[in-house]
PDB file of N, CA and C in Angstrom:
ATOM      1  N   MET A   1      47.893 -85.232  17.114  1.00  0.00           N
ATOM      2  CA  MET A   1      48.883 -84.944  17.683  1.00  0.00           C
ATOM      3  C   MET A   1      49.519 -83.903  19.046  1.00  0.00           C
ATOM      4  N   ASN A   2      50.015 -84.243  19.960  1.00  0.00           N
ATOM      5  CA  ASN A   2      50.429 -83.887  21.362  1.00  0.00           C
ATOM      6  C   ASN A   2      50.731 -82.113  21.226  1.00  0.00           C
ATOM      7  N   PRO A   3      49.853 -81.472  21.625  1.00  0.00           N
ATOM      8  CA  PRO A   3      50.049 -79.987  21.695  1.00  0.00           C
ATOM      9  C   PRO A   3      51.853 -79.685  22.303  1.00  0.00           C
ATOM     10  N   ARG A   4      51.930 -79.870  23.172  1.00  0.00           N
ATOM     11  CA  ARG A   4      53.528 -79.572  23.831  1.00  0.00           C
ATOM     12  C   ARG A   4      54.167 -79.951  22.371  1.00  0.00           C
ATOM     13  N   LEU A   5      53.919 -81.174  21.981  1.00  0.00           N
ATOM     14  CA  LEU A   5      54.956 -81.451  20.466  1.00  0.00           C
ATOM     15  C   LEU A   5      55.222 -80.832  19.671  1.00  0.00           C
ATOM     16  N   LEU A   6      54.119 -80.386  19.601  1.00  0.00           N
ATOM     17  CA  LEU A   6      53.382 -78.985  18.271  1.00  0.00           C
ATOM     18  C   LEU A   6      54.069 -77.814  18.402  1.00  0.00           C
ATOM     19  N   VAL A   7      53.987 -77.743  19.812  1.00  0.00           N
ATOM     20  CA  VAL A   7      54.684 -76.142  20.567  1.00  0.00           C
ATOM     21  C   VAL A   7      56.370 -76.017  20.168  1.00  0.00           C
ATOM     22  N   ARG A   8      57.081 -77.332  20.417  1.00  0.00           N
ATOM     23  CA  ARG A   8      58.106 -77.134  19.882  1.00  0.00           C
ATOM     24  C   ARG A   8      58.720 -77.567  18.810  1.00  0.00           C
ATOM     25  N   LEU A   9      57.861 -77.991  17.990  1.00  0.00           N
ATOM     26  CA  LEU A   9      57.944 -78.120  16.341  1.00  0.00           C
ATOM     27  C   LEU A   9      58.167 -76.591  16.015  1.00  0.00           C
ATOM     28  N   GLU A  10      56.782 -76.251  15.903  1.00  0.00           N
ATOM     29  CA  GLU A  10      56.806 -74.774  16.149  1.00  0.00           C
ATOM     30  C   GLU A  10      58.191 -73.946  16.286  1.00  0.00           C
ATOM     31  N   GLY A  11      58.362 -73.987  17.277  1.00  0.00           N
ATOM     32  CA  GLY A  11      59.937 -73.186  17.984  1.00  0.00           C
ATOM     33  C   GLY A  11      60.815 -73.987  17.224  1.00  0.00           C
ATOM     34  N   ALA A  12      61.061 -74.869  16.951  1.00  0.00           N
ATOM     35  CA  ALA A  12      62.075 -75.230  16.166  1.00  0.00           C
ATOM     36  C   ALA A  12      61.778 -74.543  14.357  1.00  0.00           C
ATOM     37  N   LEU A  13      60.784 -74.687  13.589  1.00  0.00           N
ATOM     38  CA  LEU A  13      60.616 -74.204  12.735  1.00  0.00           C
ATOM     39  C   LEU A  13      60.920 -72.712  12.345  1.00  0.00           C
ATOM     40  N   VAL A  14      60.015 -71.785  13.716  1.00  0.00           N
ATOM     41  CA  VAL A  14      60.368 -70.460  13.952  1.00  0.00           C
ATOM     42  C   VAL A  14      62.451 -70.324  14.100  1.00  0.00           C
ATOM     43  N   GLY A  15      62.146 -70.661  15.010  1.00  0.00           N
ATOM     44  CA  GLY A  15      64.262 -70.601  15.033  1.00  0.00           C
ATOM     45  C   GLY A  15      64.614 -70.682  14.096  1.00  0.00           C
ATOM     46  N   GLY A  16      64.706 -71.762  13.729  1.00  0.00           N
ATOM     47  CA  GLY A  16      65.615 -72.640  12.866  1.00  0.00           C
ATOM     48  C   GLY A  16      65.520 -71.250  11.685  1.00  0.00           C
ATOM     49  N   GLY A  17      64.559 -70.980  11.308  1.00  0.00           N
ATOM     50  CA  GLY A  17      63.862 -69.974   9.907  1.00  0.00           C
ATOM     51  C   GLY A  17      64.500 -69.064  10.241  1.00  0.00           C
ATOM     52  N   ALA A  18      64.149 -67.966  11.122  1.00  0.00           N
ATOM     53  CA  ALA A  18      65.097 -66.953  11.551  1.00  0.00           C
ATOM     54  C   ALA A  18      66.419 -66.784  11.559  1.00  0.00           C
ATOM     55  N   ALA A  19      67.236 -67.904  12.054  1.00  0.00           N
ATOM     56  CA  ALA A  19      68.095 -68.040  12.059  1.00  0.00           C
ATOM     57  C   ALA A  19      69.395 -68.494  10.422  1.00  0.00           C
ATOM     58  N   ALA A  20      68.079 -69.067   9.539  1.00  0.00           N
ATOM     59  CA  ALA A  20      68.485 -69.560   8.391  1.00  0.00           C
ATOM     60  C   ALA A  20      68.284 -67.330   7.681  1.00  0.00           C
ATOM     61  N   LEU A  21      66.857 -67.192   7.831  1.00  0.00           N
ATOM     62  CA  LEU A  21      67.042 -66.107   6.929  1.00  0.00           C
ATOM     63  C   LEU A  21      68.115 -65.195   7.648  1.00  0.00           C
ATOM     64  N   TYR A  22      68.723 -64.877   8.697  1.00  0.00           N
ATOM     65  CA  TYR A  22      70.165 -64.395   9.411  1.00  0.00           C
ATOM     66  C   TYR A  22      71.176 -64.495   8.647  1.00  0.00           C
ATOM     67  N   ALA A  23      71.506 -65.535   8.206  1.00  0.00           N
ATOM     68  CA  ALA A  23      72.640 -65.967   7.643  1.00  0.00           C
ATOM     69  C   ALA A  23      72.711 -66.360   6.826  1.00  0.00           C
ATOM     70  N   LEU A  24      71.494 -66.791   5.126  1.00  0.00           N
ATOM     71  CA  LEU A  24      71.411 -66.183   3.876  1.00  0.00           C
ATOM     72  C   LEU A  24      71.626 -65.166   3.622  1.00  0.00           C
ATOM     73  N   GLN A  25      71.629 -63.909   4.807  1.00  0.00           N
ATOM     74  CA  GLN A  25      71.300 -62.665   4.520  1.00  0.00           C
ATOM     75  C   GLN A  25      72.827 -61.874   4.500  1.00  0.00           C
ATOM     76  N   GLY A  26      74.184 -63.157   5.002  1.00  0.00           N
ATOM     77  CA  GLY A  26      75.110 -62.451   4.994  1.00  0.00           C
ATOM     78  C   GLY A  26      75.430 -61.927   6.323  1.00  0.00           C
ATOM     79  N   ARG A  27      74.736 -61.831   7.320  1.00  0.00           N
ATOM     80  CA  ARG A  27      74.939 -60.776   8.510  1.00  0.00           C
ATOM     81  C   ARG A  27      75.622 -61.868   9.390  1.00  0.00           C
ATOM     82  N   SER A  28      76.616 -61.271  10.400  1.00  0.00           N
ATOM     83  CA  SER A  28      78.003 -61.235  10.827  1.00  0.00           C
ATOM     84  C   SER A  28      77.333 -62.182  11.984  1.00  0.00           C
ATOM     85  N   THR A  29      78.381 -63.404  11.930  1.00  0.00           N
ATOM     86  CA  THR A  29      78.171 -64.160  13.003  1.00  0.00           C
ATOM     87  C   THR A  29      78.296 -63.921  14.518  1.00  0.00           C
ATOM     88  N   LEU A  30      79.686 -62.810  14.426  1.00  0.00           N
ATOM     89  CA  LEU A  30      79.550 -62.475  15.882  1.00  0.00           C
ATOM     90  C   LEU A  30      78.792 -61.780  16.610  1.00  0.00           C
ATOM     91  N   LEU A  31      77.692 -61.371  15.488  1.00  0.00           N
ATOM     92  CA  LEU A  31      76.997 -60.474  16.360  1.00  0.00           C
ATOM     93  C   LEU A  31      75.826 -60.960  16.570  1.00  0.00           C
ATOM     94  N   PHE A  32      75.812 -62.555  15.479  1.00  0.00           N
ATOM     95  CA  PHE A  32      74.400 -63.134  16.064  1.00  0.00           C
ATOM     96  C   PHE A  32      74.569 -64.257  17.751  1.00  0.00           C
ATOM     97  N   LEU A  33      76.077 -64.401  17.545  1.00  0.00           N
ATOM     98  CA  LEU A  33      76.551 -65.237  18.768  1.00  0.00           C
ATOM     99  C   LEU A  33      76.527 -64.105  20.293  1.00  0.00           C
ATOM    100  N   ALA A  34      76.507 -62.593  20.083  1.00  0.00           N
ATOM    101  CA  ALA A  34      76.458 -61.520  20.783  1.00  0.00           C
ATOM    102  C   ALA A  34      74.898 -62.011  21.307  1.00  0.00           C
ATOM    103  N   LEU A  35      74.322 -61.707  20.496  1.00  0.00           N
ATOM    104  CA  LEU A  35      72.643 -61.445  20.873  1.00  0.00           C
ATOM    105  C   LEU A  35      71.783 -62.588  21.003  1.00  0.00           C
ATOM    106  N   ILE A  36      71.987 -63.654  20.852  1.00  0.00           N
ATOM    107  CA  ILE A  36      71.402 -64.870  20.837  1.00  0.00           C
ATOM    108  C   ILE A  36      71.286 -64.979  22.429  1.00  0.00           C
ATOM    109  N   ILE A  37      71.591 -64.533  23.123  1.00  0.00           N
ATOM    110  CA  ILE A  37      71.298 -65.102  24.482  1.00  0.00           C
ATOM    111  C   ILE A  37      70.324 -64.053  25.176  1.00  0.00           C
ATOM    112  N   ALA A  38      71.114 -62.451  24.887  1.00  0.00           N
ATOM    113  CA  ALA A  38      70.515 -61.222  25.359  1.00  0.00           C
ATOM    114  C   ALA A  38      69.224 -61.054  25.959  1.00  0.00           C
ATOM    115  N   PRO A  39      68.227 -61.534  25.529  1.00  0.00           N
ATOM    116  CA  PRO A  39      66.807 -61.988  26.257  1.00  0.00           C
ATOM    117  C   PRO A  39      67.105 -62.582  27.163  1.00  0.00           C
ATOM    118  N   ASP A  40      67.642 -63.148  27.548  1.00  0.00           N
ATOM    119  CA  ASP A  40      67.636 -64.286  28.787  1.00  0.00           C
ATOM    120  C   ASP A  40      68.404 -63.435  30.126  1.00  0.00           C
ATOM    121  N   LEU A  41      69.067 -61.850  29.579  1.00  0.00           N
ATOM    122  CA  LEU A  41      69.392 -61.382  30.525  1.00  0.00           C
ATOM    123  C   LEU A  41      67.790 -60.469  31.818  1.00  0.00           C
ATOM    124  N   SER A  42      66.642 -60.503  30.954  1.00  0.00           N
ATOM    125  CA  SER A  42      65.329 -60.262  31.639  1.00  0.00           C
ATOM    126  C   SER A  42      65.180 -60.728  32.772  1.00  0.00           C
ATOM    127  N   MET A  43      66.066 -62.500  33.031  1.00  0.00           N
ATOM    128  CA  MET A  43      65.623 -63.229  33.448  1.00  0.00           C
ATOM    129  C   MET A  43      66.238 -62.417  34.788  1.00  0.00           C
ATOM    130  N   ALA A  44      66.894 -61.470  35.119  1.00  0.00           N
ATOM    131  CA  ALA A  44      67.583 -60.799  36.050  1.00  0.00           C
ATOM    132  C   ALA A  44      66.428 -60.092  37.037  1.00  0.00           C
ATOM    133  N   GLY A  45      65.113 -60.005  36.798  1.00  0.00           N
ATOM    134  CA  GLY A  45      63.996 -59.441  37.392  1.00  0.00           C
ATOM    135  C   GLY A  45      63.638 -60.307  38.151  1.00  0.00           C
ATOM    136  N   TYR A  46      63.845 -61.531  37.936  1.00  0.00           N
ATOM    137  CA  TYR A  46      63.458 -62.528  39.335  1.00  0.00           C
ATOM    138  C   TYR A  46      64.374 -62.010  40.446  1.00  0.00           C
ATOM    139  N   LEU A  47      64.937 -61.158  40.570  1.00  0.00           N
ATOM    140  CA  LEU A  47      65.870 -60.862  41.493  1.00  0.00           C
ATOM    141  C   LEU A  47      64.932 -59.610  42.374  1.00  0.00           C
ATOM    142  N   HIS A  48      63.998 -58.974  41.938  1.00  0.00           N
ATOM    143  CA  HIS A  48      63.068 -58.581  42.209  1.00  0.00           C
ATOM    144  C   HIS A  48      61.783 -58.974  42.904  1.00  0.00           C
ATOM    145  N   GLY A  49      61.944 -59.862  42.707  1.00  0.00           N
ATOM    146  CA  GLY A  49      60.315 -61.096  42.679  1.00  0.00           C
ATOM    147  C   GLY A  49      59.704 -61.620  41.535  1.00  0.00           C
ATOM    148  N   LYS A  50      58.996 -62.692  42.179  1.00  0.00           N
ATOM    149  CA  LYS A  50      58.252 -63.164  40.925  1.00  0.00           C
ATOM    150  C   LYS A  50      57.731 -62.283  40.053  1.00  0.00           C
ATOM    151  N   ARG A  51      56.531 -61.622  40.299  1.00  0.00           N
ATOM    152  CA  ARG A  51      56.188 -60.779  39.484  1.00  0.00           C
ATOM    153  C   ARG A  51      56.484 -59.766  38.874  1.00  0.00           C
ATOM    154  N   VAL A  52      58.180 -59.105  39.223  1.00  0.00           N
ATOM    155  CA  VAL A  52      58.496 -58.329  38.251  1.00  0.00           C
ATOM    156  C   VAL A  52      59.160 -59.406  37.409  1.00  0.00           C
ATOM    157  N   GLY A  53      60.278 -60.565  37.895  1.00  0.00           N
ATOM    158  CA  GLY A  53      60.403 -61.578  36.591  1.00  0.00           C
ATOM    159  C   GLY A  53      59.348 -61.392  35.768  1.00  0.00           C
ATOM    160  N   ALA A  54      58.458 -62.465  35.952  1.00  0.00           N
ATOM    161  CA  ALA A  54      58.073 -63.067  34.918  1.00  0.00           C
ATOM    162  C   ALA A  54      57.153 -61.598  34.285  1.00  0.00           C
ATOM    163  N   ALA A  55      57.024 -60.745  34.913  1.00  0.00           N
ATOM    164  CA  ALA A  55      56.864 -59.339  33.564  1.00  0.00           C
ATOM    165  C   ALA A  55      58.094 -59.461  32.345  1.00  0.00           C
ATOM    166  N   ALA A  56      59.030 -59.362  33.425  1.00  0.00           N
ATOM    167  CA  ALA A  56      60.259 -58.728  32.384  1.00  0.00           C
ATOM    168  C   ALA A  56      60.702 -60.134  31.425  1.00  0.00           C
ATOM    169  N   TYR A  57      60.758 -61.127  31.976  1.00  0.00           N
ATOM    170  CA  TYR A  57      61.006 -62.767  30.869  1.00  0.00           C
ATOM    171  C   TYR A  57      59.925 -62.061  30.185  1.00  0.00           C
ATOM    172  N   ASN A  58      58.714 -62.561  30.396  1.00  0.00           N
ATOM    173  CA  ASN A  58      57.439 -62.418  29.178  1.00  0.00           C
ATOM    174  C   ASN A  58      57.951 -61.418  28.197  1.00  0.00           C
ATOM    175  N   ALA A  59      57.949 -59.955  28.783  1.00  0.00           N
ATOM    176  CA  ALA A  59      58.061 -59.109  27.772  1.00  0.00           C
ATOM    177  C   ALA A  59      59.129 -59.288  26.475  1.00  0.00           C
ATOM    178  N   VAL A  60      60.003 -59.911  26.885  1.00  0.00           N
ATOM    179  CA  VAL A  60      60.903 -60.136  25.731  1.00  0.00           C
ATOM    180  C   VAL A  60      60.839 -61.671  25.480  1.00  0.00           C
ATOM    181  N   HIS A  61      59.702 -62.459  25.973  1.00  0.00           N
ATOM    182  CA  HIS A  61      59.965 -64.076  25.104  1.00  0.00           C
ATOM    183  C   HIS A  61      58.585 -64.128  24.601  1.00  0.00           C
ATOM    184  N   THR A  62      57.949 -63.207  23.601  1.00  0.00           N
ATOM    185  CA  THR A  62      57.474 -63.185  22.733  1.00  0.00           C
ATOM    186  C   THR A  62      57.371 -62.584  21.792  1.00  0.00           C
ATOM    187  N   TYR A  63      57.055 -63.237  20.524  1.00  0.00           N
ATOM    188  CA  TYR A  63      56.990 -62.943  19.329  1.00  0.00           C
ATOM    189  C   TYR A  63      56.582 -61.544  18.785  1.00  0.00           C
ATOM    190  N   ILE A  64      55.892 -60.656  19.936  1.00  0.00           N
ATOM    191  CA  ILE A  64      55.488 -59.497  19.771  1.00  0.00           C
ATOM    192  C   ILE A  64      56.943 -58.248  19.017  1.00  0.00           C
ATOM    193  N   GLY A  65      57.563 -58.365  20.260  1.00  0.00           N
ATOM    194  CA  GLY A  65      58.707 -57.480  20.275  1.00  0.00           C
ATOM    195  C   GLY A  65      59.218 -56.992  19.332  1.00  0.00           C
ATOM    196  N   PRO A  66      60.148 -58.360  18.667  1.00  0.00           N
ATOM    197  CA  PRO A  66      60.975 -59.073  17.272  1.00  0.00           C
ATOM    198  C   PRO A  66      60.220 -58.621  15.944  1.00  0.00           C
ATOM    199  N   GLY A  67      58.417 -58.723  16.196  1.00  0.00           N
ATOM    200  CA  GLY A  67      57.709 -58.479  14.637  1.00  0.00           C
ATOM    201  C   GLY A  67      57.773 -57.054  14.770  1.00  0.00           C
ATOM    202  N   LEU A  68      57.792 -56.401  15.837  1.00  0.00           N
ATOM    203  CA  LEU A  68      57.548 -55.084  15.644  1.00  0.00           C
ATOM    204  C   LEU A  68      58.869 -54.221  15.159  1.00  0.00           C
ATOM    205  N   LEU A  69      59.532 -54.783  16.018  1.00  0.00           N
ATOM    206  CA  LEU A  69      60.927 -54.475  15.537  1.00  0.00           C
ATOM    207  C   LEU A  69      61.558 -54.413  13.965  1.00  0.00           C
ATOM    208  N   ALA A  70      60.900 -56.075  13.229  1.00  0.00           N
ATOM    209  CA  ALA A  70      61.224 -56.001  12.317  1.00  0.00           C
ATOM    210  C   ALA A  70      60.362 -54.944  11.334  1.00  0.00           C
ATOM    211  N   ALA A  71      59.014 -55.151  11.672  1.00  0.00           N
ATOM    212  CA  ALA A  71      58.182 -53.849  10.931  1.00  0.00           C
ATOM    213  C   ALA A  71      59.091 -52.799  10.525  1.00  0.00           C
ATOM    214  N   VAL A  72      59.288 -52.208  11.541  1.00  0.00           N
ATOM    215  CA  VAL A  72      59.598 -51.104  12.223  1.00  0.00           C
ATOM    216  C   VAL A  72      61.311 -50.643  10.926  1.00  0.00           C
ATOM    217  N   GLY A  73      61.765 -52.102  11.364  1.00  0.00           N
ATOM    218  CA  GLY A  73      62.747 -52.443  10.210  1.00  0.00           C
ATOM    219  C   GLY A  73      63.228 -51.584   9.085  1.00  0.00           C
ATOM    220  N   VAL A  74      62.067 -52.708   8.579  1.00  0.00           N
ATOM    221  CA  VAL A  74      61.618 -52.657   6.953  1.00  0.00           C
ATOM    222  C   VAL A  74      60.857 -51.458   6.431  1.00  0.00           C
ATOM    223  N   VAL A  75      60.111 -50.587   7.410  1.00  0.00           N
ATOM    224  CA  VAL A  75      59.491 -49.496   6.792  1.00  0.00           C
ATOM    225  C   VAL A  75      60.847 -48.774   7.067  1.00  0.00           C
ATOM    226  N   ALA A  76      61.396 -48.753   7.939  1.00  0.00           N
ATOM    227  CA  ALA A  76      62.540 -47.508   7.867  1.00  0.00           C
ATOM    228  C   ALA A  76      63.723 -47.674   7.754  1.00  0.00           C
ATOM    229  N   GLY A  77      64.259 -48.684   6.823  1.00  0.00           N
ATOM    230  CA  GLY A  77      65.293 -48.750   5.793  1.00  0.00           C
ATOM    231  C   GLY A  77      66.314 -49.607   7.050  1.00  0.00           C
ATOM    232  N   VAL A  78      66.070 -49.937   8.217  1.00  0.00           N
ATOM    233  CA  VAL A  78      67.068 -50.060   8.933  1.00  0.00           C
ATOM    234  C   VAL A  78      67.700 -51.468   9.000  1.00  0.00           C
ATOM    235  N   ASP A  79      68.512 -51.586   8.138  1.00  0.00           N
ATOM    236  CA  ASP A  79      68.763 -53.389   8.009  1.00  0.00           C
ATOM    237  C   ASP A  79      69.274 -54.023   9.513  1.00  0.00           C
ATOM    238  N   LEU A  80      70.046 -53.036  10.474  1.00  0.00           N
ATOM    239  CA  LEU A  80      70.283 -53.542  11.381  1.00  0.00           C
ATOM    240  C   LEU A  80      69.240 -54.168  12.359  1.00  0.00           C
ATOM    241  N   ALA A  81      67.905 -53.080  12.711  1.00  0.00           N
ATOM    242  CA  ALA A  81      67.140 -53.740  13.367  1.00  0.00           C
ATOM    243  C   ALA A  81      66.269 -55.133  12.608  1.00  0.00           C
ATOM    244  N   VAL A  82      66.113 -55.354  11.334  1.00  0.00           N
ATOM    245  CA  VAL A  82      65.817 -55.925  10.928  1.00  0.00           C
ATOM    246  C   VAL A  82      66.742 -57.253  11.505  1.00  0.00           C
ATOM    247  N   GLY A  83      68.144 -57.155  11.519  1.00  0.00           N
ATOM    248  CA  GLY A  83      69.147 -58.435  11.891  1.00  0.00           C
ATOM    249  C   GLY A  83      68.547 -58.546  13.241  1.00  0.00           C
ATOM    250  N   VAL A  84      68.569 -57.809  14.350  1.00  0.00           N
ATOM    251  CA  VAL A  84      68.557 -58.117  15.848  1.00  0.00           C
ATOM    252  C   VAL A  84      67.009 -58.817  15.993  1.00  0.00           C
ATOM    253  N   ALA A  85      66.113 -58.693  14.799  1.00  0.00           N
ATOM    254  CA  ALA A  85      64.718 -59.018  14.900  1.00  0.00           C
ATOM    255  C   ALA A  85      65.168 -60.390  14.785  1.00  0.00           C
ATOM    256  N   LEU A  86      65.731 -60.618  13.773  1.00  0.00           N
ATOM    257  CA  LEU A  86      65.990 -62.069  13.190  1.00  0.00           C
ATOM    258  C   LEU A  86      66.916 -62.622  14.504  1.00  0.00           C
ATOM    259  N   VAL A  87      67.297 -62.429  14.711  1.00  0.00           N
ATOM    260  CA  VAL A  87      68.186 -63.124  16.049  1.00  0.00           C
ATOM    261  C   VAL A  87      67.077 -63.252  17.615  1.00  0.00           C
ATOM    262  N   TRP A  88      66.712 -62.447  17.729  1.00  0.00           N
ATOM    263  CA  TRP A  88      66.069 -62.259  18.603  1.00  0.00           C
ATOM    264  C   TRP A  88      64.854 -63.337  18.237  1.00  0.00           C
ATOM    265  N   THR A  89      64.172 -63.861  17.378  1.00  0.00           N
ATOM    266  CA  THR A  89      62.843 -64.299  17.036  1.00  0.00           C
ATOM    267  C   THR A  89      63.723 -65.450  16.786  1.00  0.00           C
ATOM    268  N   ALA A  90      65.195 -66.185  16.401  1.00  0.00           N
ATOM    269  CA  ALA A  90      65.988 -67.367  16.818  1.00  0.00           C
ATOM    270  C   ALA A  90      66.131 -67.830  18.576  1.00  0.00           C
ATOM    271  N   HIS A  91      66.239 -66.546  19.172  1.00  0.00           N
ATOM    272  CA  HIS A  91      66.151 -67.170  20.407  1.00  0.00           C
ATOM    273  C   HIS A  91      64.997 -67.725  21.179  1.00  0.00           C
ATOM    274  N   ILE A  92      63.703 -67.141  20.554  1.00  0.00           N
ATOM    275  CA  ILE A  92      61.977 -67.319  21.390  1.00  0.00           C
ATOM    276  C   ILE A  92      62.290 -69.110  20.534  1.00  0.00           C
ATOM    277  N   GLY A  93      62.555 -69.027  19.446  1.00  0.00           N
ATOM    278  CA  GLY A  93      61.884 -69.873  18.860  1.00  0.00           C
ATOM    279  C   GLY A  93      62.734 -71.499  19.319  1.00  0.00           C
ATOM    280  N   ALA A  94      64.140 -71.067  19.701  1.00  0.00           N
ATOM    281  CA  ALA A  94      64.510 -72.090  20.758  1.00  0.00           C
ATOM    282  C   ALA A  94      64.719 -72.057  21.935  1.00  0.00           C
ATOM    283  N   ASP A  95      64.259 -71.186  22.260  1.00  0.00           N
ATOM    284  CA  ASP A  95      63.579 -71.468  23.851  1.00  0.00           C
ATOM    285  C   ASP A  95      62.225 -72.259  23.675  1.00  0.00           C
ATOM    286  N   ARG A  96      61.492 -72.210  22.813  1.00  0.00           N
ATOM    287  CA  ARG A  96      59.770 -73.197  22.646  1.00  0.00           C
ATOM    288  C   ARG A  96      60.698 -74.628  22.548  1.00  0.00           C
ATOM    289  N   LEU A  97      61.351 -74.337  21.443  1.00  0.00           N
ATOM    290  CA  LEU A  97      61.916 -75.992  21.148  1.00  0.00           C
ATOM    291  C   LEU A  97      62.642 -76.740  22.717  1.00  0.00           C
ATOM    292  N   PHE A  98      63.030 -76.199  23.271  1.00  0.00           N
ATOM    293  CA  PHE A  98      63.351 -77.016  24.503  1.00  0.00           C
ATOM    294  C   PHE A  98      63.031 -76.512  25.811  1.00  0.00           C
ATOM    295  N   GLY A  99      61.715 -76.380  25.143  1.00  0.00           N
ATOM    296  CA  GLY A  99      60.402 -76.521  26.400  1.00  0.00           C
ATOM    297  C   GLY A  99      60.244 -75.240  26.980  1.00  0.00           C
ATOM    298  N   PHE A 100      61.181 -74.270  26.743  1.00  0.00           N
ATOM    299  CA  PHE A 100      60.958 -72.904  27.815  1.00  0.00           C
ATOM    300  C   PHE A 100      59.846 -72.000  27.852  1.00  0.00           C
ATOM    301  N   GLY A 101      58.824 -71.830  28.563  1.00  0.00           N
ATOM    302  CA  GLY A 101      57.870 -70.886  27.885  1.00  0.00           C
ATOM    303  C   GLY A 101      57.659 -70.002  28.859  1.00  0.00           C
ATOM    304  N   LEU A 102      56.451 -69.390  28.365  1.00  0.00           N
ATOM    305  CA  LEU A 102      56.255 -67.770  29.168  1.00  0.00           C
ATOM    306  C   LEU A 102      55.916 -68.332  30.819  1.00  0.00           C
ATOM    307  N   LYS A 103      56.077 -67.638  31.390  1.00  0.00           N
ATOM    308  CA  LYS A 103      56.595 -67.811  33.265  1.00  0.00           C
ATOM    309  C   LYS A 103      55.058 -66.566  33.654  1.00  0.00           C
ATOM    310  N   TYR A 104      53.985 -67.163  34.453  1.00  0.00           N
ATOM    311  CA  TYR A 104      53.252 -67.064  35.683  1.00  0.00           C
ATOM    312  C   TYR A 104      53.534 -66.007  36.780  1.00  0.00           C
ATOM    313  N   ALA A 105      53.247 -64.638  36.829  1.00  0.00           N
ATOM    314  CA  ALA A 105      53.418 -64.377  37.849  1.00  0.00           C
ATOM    315  C   ALA A 105      53.421 -64.857  39.351  1.00  0.00           C
ATOM    316  N   ASP A 106      52.935 -65.574  39.718  1.00  0.00           N
ATOM    317  CA  ASP A 106      52.592 -66.074  40.803  1.00  0.00           C
ATOM    318  C   ASP A 106      52.997 -67.589  41.170  1.00  0.00           C
ATOM    319  N   ARG A 107      53.421 -67.874  40.165  1.00  0.00           N
ATOM    320  CA  ARG A 107      54.479 -69.454  40.298  1.00  0.00           C
ATOM    321  C   ARG A 107      56.196 -69.343  39.916  1.00  0.00           C
ATOM    322  N   GLU A 108      56.627 -70.601  39.971  1.00  0.00           N
ATOM    323  CA  GLU A 108      58.043 -70.478  40.252  1.00  0.00           C
ATOM    324  C   GLU A 108      58.088 -70.471  38.790  1.00  0.00           C
ATOM    325  N   PHE A 109      60.015 -70.356  38.501  1.00  0.00           N
ATOM    326  CA  PHE A 109      60.365 -69.931  37.561  1.00  0.00           C
ATOM    327  C   PHE A 109      60.166 -70.738  36.338  1.00  0.00           C
ATOM    328  N   GLY A 110      59.953 -72.106  36.718  1.00  0.00           N
ATOM    329  CA  GLY A 110      59.802 -73.304  35.881  1.00  0.00           C
ATOM    330  C   GLY A 110      58.774 -73.918  35.430  1.00  0.00           C
ATOM    331  N   ASP A 111      57.581 -72.986  36.280  1.00  0.00           N
ATOM    332  CA  ASP A 111      56.282 -73.373  35.531  1.00  0.00           C
ATOM    333  C   ASP A 111      55.769 -72.507  34.843  1.00  0.00           C
ATOM    334  N   THR A 112      55.794 -72.866  33.418  1.00  0.00           N
ATOM    335  CA  THR A 112      55.226 -72.019  32.306  1.00  0.00           C
ATOM    336  C   THR A 112      54.203 -72.534  31.892  1.00  0.00           C
ATOM    337  N   HIS A 113      53.698 -71.699  30.846  1.00  0.00           N
ATOM    338  CA  HIS A 113      52.678 -71.908  29.411  1.00  0.00           C
ATOM    339  C   HIS A 113      52.623 -73.182  29.268  1.00  0.00           C
ATOM    340  N   LEU A 114      54.122 -73.871  28.779  1.00  0.00           N
ATOM    341  CA  LEU A 114      54.216 -75.008  27.811  1.00  0.00           C
ATOM    342  C   LEU A 114      53.764 -76.078  28.976  1.00  0.00           C
ATOM    343  N   GLN A 115      54.105 -76.408  30.341  1.00  0.00           N
ATOM    344  CA  GLN A 115      53.714 -77.062  31.370  1.00  0.00           C
ATOM    345  C   GLN A 115      51.920 -77.291  31.485  1.00  0.00           C
ATOM    346  N   ARG A 116      51.331 -76.241  30.965  1.00  0.00           N
ATOM    347  CA  ARG A 116      50.155 -76.430  30.875  1.00  0.00           C
ATOM    348  C   ARG A 116      49.034 -76.994  29.630  1.00  0.00           C
ATOM    349  N   LEU A 117      50.039 -77.237  28.696  1.00  0.00           N
ATOM    350  CA  LEU A 117      49.790 -77.567  27.263  1.00  0.00           C
ATOM    351  C   LEU A 117      49.363 -79.317  27.253  1.00  0.00           C
TER     352      LEU A 117
END
């Protein structure tokens, strides 16, 4: 099977699963809608050049951040942190589904790791 298709299917599974968990837990739809595009604010880093833009974008478009936030939320008993982590994960999964990947510091915004697959 084509690696690009596999990454998109993974994105659909992870993003859809995170959104479903969020909804099944009875969390706020308004909060979900308010946060779902928040990670894209990191694109403002491109106002300072490709290197800063790619670093800012990549910092919030990997599963490391929401994974750590969810773990801390569970251990510390902070339910809001878990909810935010689920929305963040849903965003990243949707990005992968639609073909948006991590950025290279020396390339244009549209040239991502997914184009290399």
